[in-house]
Amino acid sequence: MPAVPVSPPVPVLDHLAATVTDGHYRPSSASVLLAVFDRVPDPRKPQGRRHSLAVVLTLATCAVLAGARSFTAIGEWAADAGLAVAELLGIVRVPDESTFRRVFAALDAGALDTALGVWAAVATSPDTGTRRRVAVDVKTLRGSRTGDAAGRHLLAALDHDTGVLGQVAGDAKTNEIPALSVLLAGLNLTGVIVTADALHTRTETARWLVGRGAHYLLTMKANQPSLYAQLAALPWRQVTTSARTVERGHGRREQRTVKATEVRAGLLFPHAVQAVRITRRRRPLADGPAETEVA
């Protein structure tokens, strides 16, 4: 059965070759991808290789950008690209579907994520004077949950403006804690604001982030009662509201009120200099009781 039709190769190749003029090659997106993927260890034996791993991964990337969602579709896209893509990548023939399938079955996914994460962090560096904001959160891969088996979890670092910078496996909640430092180790964190949920509100995480030059914004819950009580006891009534938003959606109206204040020495958490309180008031658009939540 043929794969679902995808975008033809020409637009993707035009984008990759945008800096190629008069037959002279300058650094293009294709060459950048080849250099990135060249850092990934090749799981195949040297004997019998017809295509470099970098070429296989670059072609697969282009195919996915064009809409391919299966190995069959990737193979068909590469075959349709033909001589145009072969010339751009410096190869004589393109790999077939079975080559893509075998390579990805044996590939070290962690090494691929690391290489792509380093490239993404460099390629999406914010403009001078703009602070990068990175959210760390876990996500479950769609379709990975089968029967009684739990779904496969990935801890991801997401740039608020540009998208995912990297991800590492974290199959259990407890694995998320050490995985944060592994995930962010390859990023330049100087001046970066890192946000994470309450699972990562740990003293060792805060010290690690600040030691790398980062700022943190972490959620506090009642599972740390002493620190939670300190924050709740701050004189919030005397703090001026910093922001207020009102949104409608999902059958309700939600108002968020934000207050922020500096905190003095003595807070039971390392390097903490500010406390932020968010009050969410939700009221159904139809009849129903209102709810208030404080974070």
C-alpha atoms as a PDB file:
ATOM      1  CA  MET A   1       0.000   0.000   0.000  1.00  0.00           C
ATOM      2  CA  PRO A   2       1.522   3.374  -0.957  1.00  0.00           C
ATOM      3  CA  ALA A   3       2.126   5.959   1.727  1.00  0.00           C
ATOM      4  CA  VAL A   4      -0.107   8.970   2.190  1.00  0.00           C
ATOM      5  CA  PRO A   5       0.995  11.662  -0.315  1.00  0.00           C
ATOM      6  CA  VAL A   6       3.392  14.246   1.088  1.00  0.00           C
ATOM      7  CA  SER A   7       4.762  17.548  -0.147  1.00  0.00           C
ATOM      8  CA  PRO A   8       6.966  17.223  -3.245  1.00  0.00           C
ATOM      9  CA  PRO A   9      10.728  17.489  -2.724  1.00  0.00           C
ATOM     10  CA  VAL A  10      11.217  20.734  -4.618  1.00  0.00           C
ATOM     11  CA  PRO A  11      10.016  23.206  -1.909  1.00  0.00           C
ATOM     12  CA  VAL A  12      12.093  21.514   0.802  1.00  0.00           C
ATOM     13  CA  LEU A  13      15.141  21.350  -1.433  1.00  0.00           C
ATOM     14  CA  ASP A  14      14.676  24.980  -2.451  1.00  0.00           C
ATOM     15  CA  HIS A  15      14.698  25.902   1.214  1.00  0.00           C
ATOM     16  CA  LEU A  16      17.820  23.849   1.900  1.00  0.00           C
ATOM     17  CA  ALA A  17      19.582  25.215  -1.154  1.00  0.00           C
ATOM     18  CA  ALA A  18      18.597  28.848  -0.618  1.00  0.00           C
ATOM     19  CA  THR A  19      22.233  29.838  -0.190  1.00  0.00           C
ATOM     20  CA  VAL A  20      23.484  27.927  -3.254  1.00  0.00           C
ATOM     21  CA  THR A  21      24.029  30.329  -6.156  1.00  0.00           C
ATOM     22  CA  ASP A  22      25.722  30.063  -9.560  1.00  0.00           C
ATOM     23  CA  GLY A  23      26.703  26.470  -8.897  1.00  0.00           C
ATOM     24  CA  HIS A  24      28.879  27.426  -5.916  1.00  0.00           C
ATOM     25  CA  TYR A  25      27.949  25.915  -2.596  1.00  0.00           C
ATOM     26  CA  ARG A  26      27.962  28.028   0.523  1.00  0.00           C
ATOM     27  CA  PRO A  27      26.993  26.806   4.017  1.00  0.00           C
ATOM     28  CA  SER A  28      23.361  25.776   3.649  1.00  0.00           C
ATOM     29  CA  SER A  29      20.764  24.104   5.788  1.00  0.00           C
ATOM     30  CA  ALA A  30      21.693  20.788   4.207  1.00  0.00           C
ATOM     31  CA  SER A  31      25.355  21.111   5.113  1.00  0.00           C
ATOM     32  CA  VAL A  32      24.440  22.190   8.639  1.00  0.00           C
ATOM     33  CA  LEU A  33      22.227  19.119   9.087  1.00  0.00           C
ATOM     34  CA  LEU A  34      24.967  16.860   7.736  1.00  0.00           C
ATOM     35  CA  ALA A  35      27.439  18.327  10.234  1.00  0.00           C
ATOM     36  CA  VAL A  36      24.978  17.872  13.119  1.00  0.00           C
ATOM     37  CA  PHE A  37      24.160  14.270  12.245  1.00  0.00           C
ATOM     38  CA  ASP A  38      27.813  13.445  11.661  1.00  0.00           C
ATOM     39  CA  ARG A  39      28.220  13.610  15.460  1.00  0.00           C
ATOM     40  CA  VAL A  40      25.791  10.726  16.003  1.00  0.00           C
ATOM     41  CA  PRO A  41      27.459   7.286  16.370  1.00  0.00           C
ATOM     42  CA  ASP A  42      26.665   4.965  13.461  1.00  0.00           C
ATOM     43  CA  PRO A  43      25.254   1.666  14.829  1.00  0.00           C
ATOM     44  CA  ARG A  44      25.994  -0.230  11.591  1.00  0.00           C
ATOM     45  CA  LYS A  45      29.063  -2.290  10.795  1.00  0.00           C
ATOM     46  CA  PRO A  46      31.433  -0.578   8.332  1.00  0.00           C
ATOM     47  CA  GLN A  47      31.189  -3.418   5.823  1.00  0.00           C
ATOM     48  CA  GLY A  48      28.375  -2.982   3.332  1.00  0.00           C
ATOM     49  CA  ARG A  49      27.486   0.641   4.112  1.00  0.00           C
ATOM     50  CA  ARG A  50      26.280   2.467   1.020  1.00  0.00           C
ATOM     51  CA  HIS A  51      25.192   5.707   2.660  1.00  0.00           C
ATOM     52  CA  SER A  52      26.610   7.654   5.566  1.00  0.00           C
ATOM     53  CA  LEU A  53      24.463   7.957   8.678  1.00  0.00           C
ATOM     54  CA  ALA A  54      24.426  11.746   8.253  1.00  0.00           C
ATOM     55  CA  VAL A  55      22.917  11.416   4.772  1.00  0.00           C
ATOM     56  CA  VAL A  56      20.245   8.955   5.937  1.00  0.00           C
ATOM     57  CA  LEU A  57      19.217  11.185   8.857  1.00  0.00           C
ATOM     58  CA  THR A  58      19.232  14.351   6.738  1.00  0.00           C
ATOM     59  CA  LEU A  59      16.987  12.758   4.116  1.00  0.00           C
ATOM     60  CA  ALA A  60      14.635  11.481   6.812  1.00  0.00           C
ATOM     61  CA  THR A  61      14.481  14.971   8.337  1.00  0.00           C
ATOM     62  CA  CYS A  62      13.599  16.526   4.985  1.00  0.00           C
ATOM     63  CA  ALA A  63      10.933  13.884   4.378  1.00  0.00           C
ATOM     64  CA  VAL A  64       9.328  14.467   7.770  1.00  0.00           C
ATOM     65  CA  LEU A  65       9.369  18.223   7.163  1.00  0.00           C
ATOM     66  CA  ALA A  66       7.528  17.493   3.912  1.00  0.00           C
ATOM     67  CA  GLY A  67       4.867  15.512   5.769  1.00  0.00           C
ATOM     68  CA  ALA A  68       6.142  11.919   5.842  1.00  0.00           C
ATOM     69  CA  ARG A  69       4.849   9.980   8.831  1.00  0.00           C
ATOM     70  CA  SER A  70       6.150   6.466   8.153  1.00  0.00           C
ATOM     71  CA  PHE A  71       9.245   4.711   6.840  1.00  0.00           C
ATOM     72  CA  THR A  72       7.355   3.943   3.636  1.00  0.00           C
ATOM     73  CA  ALA A  73       6.556   7.632   3.156  1.00  0.00           C
ATOM     74  CA  ILE A  74      10.160   8.622   3.901  1.00  0.00           C
ATOM     75  CA  GLY A  75      11.433   6.124   1.314  1.00  0.00           C
ATOM     76  CA  GLU A  76       8.948   7.328  -1.296  1.00  0.00           C
ATOM     77  CA  TRP A  77       9.851  10.976  -0.673  1.00  0.00           C
ATOM     78  CA  ALA A  78      13.579  10.213  -1.051  1.00  0.00           C
ATOM     79  CA  ALA A  79      12.936   8.284  -4.266  1.00  0.00           C
ATOM     80  CA  ASP A  80      10.851  11.140  -5.694  1.00  0.00           C
ATOM     81  CA  ALA A  81      13.595  13.615  -4.807  1.00  0.00           C
ATOM     82  CA  GLY A  82      15.968  11.703  -7.074  1.00  0.00           C
ATOM     83  CA  LEU A  83      18.956  13.432  -8.631  1.00  0.00           C
ATOM     84  CA  ALA A  84      18.145  16.856  -7.184  1.00  0.00           C
ATOM     85  CA  VAL A  85      18.606  15.756  -3.593  1.00  0.00           C
ATOM     86  CA  ALA A  86      21.489  13.450  -4.494  1.00  0.00           C
ATOM     87  CA  GLU A  87      23.429  16.366  -5.978  1.00  0.00           C
ATOM     88  CA  LEU A  88      22.728  18.594  -3.001  1.00  0.00           C
ATOM     89  CA  LEU A  89      23.920  15.943  -0.542  1.00  0.00           C
ATOM     90  CA  GLY A  90      26.824  14.775  -2.666  1.00  0.00           C
ATOM     91  CA  ILE A  91      25.605  11.202  -3.199  1.00  0.00           C
ATOM     92  CA  VAL A  92      25.024   9.048  -6.274  1.00  0.00           C
ATOM     93  CA  ARG A  93      21.829   7.304  -5.202  1.00  0.00           C
ATOM     94  CA  VAL A  94      19.305   7.752  -2.413  1.00  0.00           C
ATOM     95  CA  PRO A  95      18.594   5.108   0.269  1.00  0.00           C
ATOM     96  CA  ASP A  96      15.463   2.993   0.027  1.00  0.00           C
ATOM     97  CA  GLU A  97      12.779   2.431   2.624  1.00  0.00           C
ATOM     98  CA  SER A  98      14.449  -0.659   4.141  1.00  0.00           C
ATOM     99  CA  THR A  99      17.638   1.320   4.806  1.00  0.00           C
ATOM    100  CA  PHE A 100      15.744   3.987   6.742  1.00  0.00           C
ATOM    101  CA  ARG A 101      13.932   1.299   8.730  1.00  0.00           C
ATOM    102  CA  ARG A 102      17.101  -0.618   9.679  1.00  0.00           C
ATOM    103  CA  VAL A 103      19.039   2.518  10.629  1.00  0.00           C
ATOM    104  CA  PHE A 104      16.358   3.922  12.904  1.00  0.00           C
ATOM    105  CA  ALA A 105      15.754   0.532  14.541  1.00  0.00           C
ATOM    106  CA  ALA A 106      19.403   0.394  15.646  1.00  0.00           C
ATOM    107  CA  LEU A 107      20.012   4.106  16.265  1.00  0.00           C
ATOM    108  CA  ASP A 108      20.986   5.447  19.692  1.00  0.00           C
ATOM    109  CA  ALA A 109      18.000   7.741  20.308  1.00  0.00           C
ATOM    110  CA  GLY A 110      19.743   9.476  23.203  1.00  0.00           C
ATOM    111  CA  ALA A 111      22.738  10.421  21.056  1.00  0.00           C
ATOM    112  CA  LEU A 112      20.418  11.724  18.343  1.00  0.00           C
ATOM    113  CA  ASP A 113      18.472  13.827  20.867  1.00  0.00           C
ATOM    114  CA  THR A 114      21.716  15.249  22.247  1.00  0.00           C
ATOM    115  CA  ALA A 115      23.031  16.231  18.819  1.00  0.00           C
ATOM    116  CA  LEU A 116      19.738  17.843  17.825  1.00  0.00           C
ATOM    117  CA  GLY A 117      19.451  19.614  21.168  1.00  0.00           C
ATOM    118  CA  VAL A 118      22.875  21.242  20.851  1.00  0.00           C
ATOM    119  CA  TRP A 119      22.063  22.340  17.304  1.00  0.00           C
ATOM    120  CA  ALA A 120      18.628  23.676  18.292  1.00  0.00           C
ATOM    121  CA  ALA A 121      20.066  25.656  21.203  1.00  0.00           C
ATOM    122  CA  VAL A 122      22.627  27.340  18.943  1.00  0.00           C
ATOM    123  CA  ALA A 123      20.233  27.886  16.037  1.00  0.00           C
ATOM    124  CA  THR A 124      17.590  29.487  18.261  1.00  0.00           C
ATOM    125  CA  SER A 125      19.850  31.711  20.360  1.00  0.00           C
ATOM    126  CA  PRO A 126      17.823  34.785  21.375  1.00  0.00           C
ATOM    127  CA  ASP A 127      18.740  38.257  20.229  1.00  0.00           C
ATOM    128  CA  THR A 128      21.055  40.367  22.350  1.00  0.00           C
ATOM    129  CA  GLY A 129      19.173  41.751  25.321  1.00  0.00           C
ATOM    130  CA  THR A 130      16.521  39.011  25.189  1.00  0.00           C
ATOM    131  CA  ARG A 131      16.484  36.392  27.923  1.00  0.00           C
ATOM    132  CA  ARG A 132      15.890  32.759  26.976  1.00  0.00           C
ATOM    133  CA  ARG A 133      13.097  31.001  28.906  1.00  0.00           C
ATOM    134  CA  VAL A 134      13.129  27.210  29.060  1.00  0.00           C
ATOM    135  CA  ALA A 135      10.343  25.045  30.482  1.00  0.00           C
ATOM    136  CA  VAL A 136      11.187  21.535  31.687  1.00  0.00           C
ATOM    137  CA  ASP A 137       8.297  19.084  31.715  1.00  0.00           C
ATOM    138  CA  VAL A 138       7.520  15.427  31.120  1.00  0.00           C
ATOM    139  CA  LYS A 139       5.365  14.198  28.258  1.00  0.00           C
ATOM    140  CA  THR A 140       4.020  10.773  27.316  1.00  0.00           C
ATOM    141  CA  LEU A 141       4.645   9.597  23.770  1.00  0.00           C
ATOM    142  CA  ARG A 142       1.387   9.194  21.876  1.00  0.00           C
ATOM    143  CA  GLY A 143       0.648   5.557  21.139  1.00  0.00           C
ATOM    144  CA  SER A 144       3.293   4.225  23.547  1.00  0.00           C
ATOM    145  CA  ARG A 145       0.756   2.995  26.114  1.00  0.00           C
ATOM    146  CA  THR A 146      -0.382  -0.542  25.273  1.00  0.00           C
ATOM    147  CA  GLY A 147      -2.608  -2.697  27.435  1.00  0.00           C
ATOM    148  CA  ASP A 148      -1.372  -2.674  31.018  1.00  0.00           C
ATOM    149  CA  ALA A 149       2.034  -1.299  30.017  1.00  0.00           C
ATOM    150  CA  ALA A 150       2.606   2.330  30.978  1.00  0.00           C
ATOM    151  CA  GLY A 151       3.370   4.820  28.246  1.00  0.00           C
ATOM    152  CA  ARG A 152       6.924   5.910  27.542  1.00  0.00           C
ATOM    153  CA  HIS A 153       7.815   9.222  29.154  1.00  0.00           C
ATOM    154  CA  LEU A 154      10.255  11.847  27.926  1.00  0.00           C
ATOM    155  CA  LEU A 155      11.532  14.804  29.928  1.00  0.00           C
ATOM    156  CA  ALA A 156      11.722  17.707  27.493  1.00  0.00           C
ATOM    157  CA  ALA A 157      13.248  21.179  27.526  1.00  0.00           C
ATOM    158  CA  LEU A 158      11.014  23.625  25.663  1.00  0.00           C
ATOM    159  CA  ASP A 159      12.083  27.126  24.671  1.00  0.00           C
ATOM    160  CA  HIS A 160       9.038  29.356  25.202  1.00  0.00           C
ATOM    161  CA  ASP A 161       9.606  31.060  21.837  1.00  0.00           C
ATOM    162  CA  THR A 162      11.102  28.469  19.491  1.00  0.00           C
ATOM    163  CA  GLY A 163      10.164  24.968  20.630  1.00  0.00           C
ATOM    164  CA  VAL A 164      11.844  21.819  21.911  1.00  0.00           C
ATOM    165  CA  LEU A 165      15.584  22.038  22.607  1.00  0.00           C
ATOM    166  CA  GLY A 166      16.065  18.470  23.785  1.00  0.00           C
ATOM    167  CA  GLN A 167      14.586  15.469  25.527  1.00  0.00           C
ATOM    168  CA  VAL A 168      15.739  12.476  27.563  1.00  0.00           C
ATOM    169  CA  ALA A 169      13.988   9.292  28.611  1.00  0.00           C
ATOM    170  CA  GLY A 170      12.317   9.287  32.017  1.00  0.00           C
ATOM    171  CA  ASP A 171      10.081   6.243  32.386  1.00  0.00           C
ATOM    172  CA  ALA A 172       9.144   6.900  36.006  1.00  0.00           C
ATOM    173  CA  LYS A 173       8.442  10.072  37.919  1.00  0.00           C
ATOM    174  CA  THR A 174      11.456   9.504  40.175  1.00  0.00           C
ATOM    175  CA  ASN A 175      13.725   9.407  37.128  1.00  0.00           C
ATOM    176  CA  GLU A 176      12.747  12.953  36.205  1.00  0.00           C
ATOM    177  CA  ILE A 177      14.769  14.455  39.042  1.00  0.00           C
ATOM    178  CA  PRO A 178      18.307  13.427  37.978  1.00  0.00           C
ATOM    179  CA  ALA A 179      17.256  13.615  34.319  1.00  0.00           C
ATOM    180  CA  LEU A 180      16.875  17.415  34.530  1.00  0.00           C
ATOM    181  CA  SER A 181      20.615  17.990  34.878  1.00  0.00           C
ATOM    182  CA  VAL A 182      21.316  15.454  32.127  1.00  0.00           C
ATOM    183  CA  LEU A 183      18.794  17.174  29.863  1.00  0.00           C
ATOM    184  CA  LEU A 184      20.172  20.693  30.388  1.00  0.00           C
ATOM    185  CA  ALA A 185      23.873  19.816  30.658  1.00  0.00           C
ATOM    186  CA  GLY A 186      24.537  20.579  26.981  1.00  0.00           C
ATOM    187  CA  LEU A 187      22.873  24.000  27.032  1.00  0.00           C
ATOM    188  CA  ASN A 188      24.464  27.337  27.841  1.00  0.00           C
ATOM    189  CA  LEU A 189      22.325  28.310  30.823  1.00  0.00           C
ATOM    190  CA  THR A 190      23.927  31.668  31.572  1.00  0.00           C
ATOM    191  CA  GLY A 191      21.089  34.111  32.202  1.00  0.00           C
ATOM    192  CA  VAL A 192      18.423  31.546  31.192  1.00  0.00           C
ATOM    193  CA  ILE A 193      15.180  31.312  33.190  1.00  0.00           C
ATOM    194  CA  VAL A 194      14.326  27.645  33.805  1.00  0.00           C
ATOM    195  CA  THR A 195      10.769  26.776  34.855  1.00  0.00           C
ATOM    196  CA  ALA A 196       9.708  23.384  36.198  1.00  0.00           C
ATOM    197  CA  ASP A 197       6.913  21.787  38.206  1.00  0.00           C
ATOM    198  CA  ALA A 198       6.943  20.928  41.898  1.00  0.00           C
ATOM    199  CA  LEU A 199       8.742  17.609  41.363  1.00  0.00           C
ATOM    200  CA  HIS A 200      11.914  19.600  40.651  1.00  0.00           C
ATOM    201  CA  THR A 201      11.562  21.998  43.585  1.00  0.00           C
ATOM    202  CA  ARG A 202      14.585  20.516  45.312  1.00  0.00           C
ATOM    203  CA  THR A 203      17.576  22.199  46.887  1.00  0.00           C
ATOM    204  CA  GLU A 204      20.086  20.249  44.777  1.00  0.00           C
ATOM    205  CA  THR A 205      18.283  21.246  41.578  1.00  0.00           C
ATOM    206  CA  ALA A 206      18.296  24.927  42.573  1.00  0.00           C
ATOM    207  CA  ARG A 207      21.997  24.828  43.439  1.00  0.00           C
ATOM    208  CA  TRP A 208      22.840  23.042  40.176  1.00  0.00           C
ATOM    209  CA  LEU A 209      20.933  25.588  38.071  1.00  0.00           C
ATOM    210  CA  VAL A 210      22.416  28.620  39.813  1.00  0.00           C
ATOM    211  CA  GLY A 211      25.858  27.034  39.570  1.00  0.00           C
ATOM    212  CA  ARG A 212      25.387  26.973  35.792  1.00  0.00           C
ATOM    213  CA  GLY A 213      24.434  30.658  35.751  1.00  0.00           C
ATOM    214  CA  ALA A 214      20.691  30.086  35.362  1.00  0.00           C
ATOM    215  CA  HIS A 215      17.675  31.568  37.149  1.00  0.00           C
ATOM    216  CA  TYR A 216      14.870  29.272  38.308  1.00  0.00           C
ATOM    217  CA  LEU A 217      11.106  29.579  38.701  1.00  0.00           C
ATOM    218  CA  LEU A 218       9.838  26.525  40.591  1.00  0.00           C
ATOM    219  CA  THR A 219       6.404  25.554  41.887  1.00  0.00           C
ATOM    220  CA  MET A 220       5.949  24.987  45.608  1.00  0.00           C
ATOM    221  CA  LYS A 221       3.374  22.550  46.981  1.00  0.00           C
ATOM    222  CA  ALA A 222       2.384  21.404  50.459  1.00  0.00           C
ATOM    223  CA  ASN A 223       4.610  18.308  50.248  1.00  0.00           C
ATOM    224  CA  GLN A 224       7.324  20.639  51.649  1.00  0.00           C
ATOM    225  CA  PRO A 225       5.293  21.961  54.601  1.00  0.00           C
ATOM    226  CA  SER A 226       7.912  24.219  56.241  1.00  0.00           C
ATOM    227  CA  LEU A 227       8.772  26.121  53.085  1.00  0.00           C
ATOM    228  CA  TYR A 228       5.131  26.174  51.984  1.00  0.00           C
ATOM    229  CA  ALA A 229       4.123  27.694  55.312  1.00  0.00           C
ATOM    230  CA  GLN A 230       6.820  30.362  54.992  1.00  0.00           C
ATOM    231  CA  LEU A 231       5.559  31.397  51.570  1.00  0.00           C
ATOM    232  CA  ALA A 232       1.901  31.323  52.563  1.00  0.00           C
ATOM    233  CA  ALA A 233       2.642  33.512  55.613  1.00  0.00           C
ATOM    234  CA  LEU A 234       4.177  36.341  53.585  1.00  0.00           C
ATOM    235  CA  PRO A 235       2.155  39.587  53.857  1.00  0.00           C
ATOM    236  CA  TRP A 236       0.454  39.129  50.487  1.00  0.00           C
ATOM    237  CA  ARG A 237      -2.308  41.631  51.281  1.00  0.00           C
ATOM    238  CA  GLN A 238       0.318  44.371  51.316  1.00  0.00           C
ATOM    239  CA  VAL A 239       1.858  43.286  47.980  1.00  0.00           C
ATOM    240  CA  THR A 240       0.744  45.194  44.889  1.00  0.00           C
ATOM    241  CA  THR A 241      -0.835  43.163  42.094  1.00  0.00           C
ATOM    242  CA  SER A 242       1.658  42.749  39.239  1.00  0.00           C
ATOM    243  CA  ALA A 243      -0.716  41.458  36.575  1.00  0.00           C
ATOM    244  CA  ARG A 244      -4.312  40.391  36.064  1.00  0.00           C
ATOM    245  CA  THR A 245      -5.768  38.461  33.113  1.00  0.00           C
ATOM    246  CA  VAL A 246      -9.245  37.203  32.257  1.00  0.00           C
ATOM    247  CA  GLU A 247      -9.880  34.403  29.759  1.00  0.00           C
ATOM    248  CA  ARG A 248     -12.909  32.482  28.546  1.00  0.00           C
ATOM    249  CA  GLY A 249     -12.707  28.908  27.304  1.00  0.00           C
ATOM    250  CA  HIS A 250     -13.609  25.306  28.077  1.00  0.00           C
ATOM    251  CA  GLY A 251     -16.985  26.466  29.322  1.00  0.00           C
ATOM    252  CA  ARG A 252     -15.636  28.734  32.025  1.00  0.00           C
ATOM    253  CA  ARG A 253     -14.292  32.180  32.806  1.00  0.00           C
ATOM    254  CA  GLU A 254     -10.902  32.289  34.526  1.00  0.00           C
ATOM    255  CA  GLN A 255      -9.309  35.284  36.188  1.00  0.00           C
ATOM    256  CA  ARG A 256      -5.639  35.117  37.181  1.00  0.00           C
ATOM    257  CA  THR A 257      -4.069  37.565  39.611  1.00  0.00           C
ATOM    258  CA  VAL A 258      -0.291  37.647  40.028  1.00  0.00           C
ATOM    259  CA  LYS A 259       1.652  39.151  42.912  1.00  0.00           C
ATOM    260  CA  ALA A 260       5.452  39.131  43.233  1.00  0.00           C
ATOM    261  CA  THR A 261       7.649  40.258  46.077  1.00  0.00           C
ATOM    262  CA  GLU A 262      11.288  40.133  47.065  1.00  0.00           C
ATOM    263  CA  VAL A 263      12.161  37.822  49.945  1.00  0.00           C
ATOM    264  CA  ARG A 264      14.887  38.353  52.515  1.00  0.00           C
ATOM    265  CA  ALA A 265      17.467  35.888  53.809  1.00  0.00           C
ATOM    266  CA  GLY A 266      15.968  33.110  55.881  1.00  0.00           C
ATOM    267  CA  LEU A 267      13.725  31.451  53.309  1.00  0.00           C
ATOM    268  CA  LEU A 268      14.283  27.700  53.456  1.00  0.00           C
ATOM    269  CA  PHE A 269      15.454  27.366  49.864  1.00  0.00           C
ATOM    270  CA  PRO A 270      18.858  28.170  48.319  1.00  0.00           C
ATOM    271  CA  HIS A 271      19.339  31.322  46.222  1.00  0.00           C
ATOM    272  CA  ALA A 272      15.646  32.301  46.433  1.00  0.00           C
ATOM    273  CA  VAL A 273      15.198  36.067  46.017  1.00  0.00           C
ATOM    274  CA  GLN A 274      11.566  36.392  44.902  1.00  0.00           C
ATOM    275  CA  ALA A 275       8.236  34.790  45.709  1.00  0.00           C
ATOM    276  CA  VAL A 276       5.300  34.826  43.286  1.00  0.00           C
ATOM    277  CA  ARG A 277       1.671  34.034  44.097  1.00  0.00           C
ATOM    278  CA  ILE A 278      -0.872  33.253  41.373  1.00  0.00           C
ATOM    279  CA  THR A 279      -4.548  33.197  42.297  1.00  0.00           C
ATOM    280  CA  ARG A 280      -6.890  31.564  39.782  1.00  0.00           C
ATOM    281  CA  ARG A 281     -10.639  32.072  40.083  1.00  0.00           C
ATOM    282  CA  ARG A 282     -12.738  29.907  37.762  1.00  0.00           C
ATOM    283  CA  ARG A 283     -16.459  30.330  37.253  1.00  0.00           C
ATOM    284  CA  PRO A 284     -18.569  28.219  34.845  1.00  0.00           C
ATOM    285  CA  LEU A 285     -20.252  30.202  32.075  1.00  0.00           C
ATOM    286  CA  ALA A 286     -23.389  28.230  32.900  1.00  0.00           C
ATOM    287  CA  ASP A 287     -24.666  27.656  36.423  1.00  0.00           C
ATOM    288  CA  GLY A 288     -22.225  26.182  38.900  1.00  0.00           C
ATOM    289  CA  PRO A 289     -19.991  27.005  41.844  1.00  0.00           C
ATOM    290  CA  ALA A 290     -16.848  29.102  41.453  1.00  0.00           C
ATOM    291  CA  GLU A 291     -13.417  27.641  42.321  1.00  0.00           C
ATOM    292  CA  THR A 292     -10.350  29.400  43.653  1.00  0.00           C
ATOM    293  CA  GLU A 293      -6.830  27.976  43.399  1.00  0.00           C
ATOM    294  CA  VAL A 294      -3.651  29.538  44.800  1.00  0.00           C
ATOM    295  CA  ALA A 295      -0.189  28.605  43.515  1.00  0.00           C
END
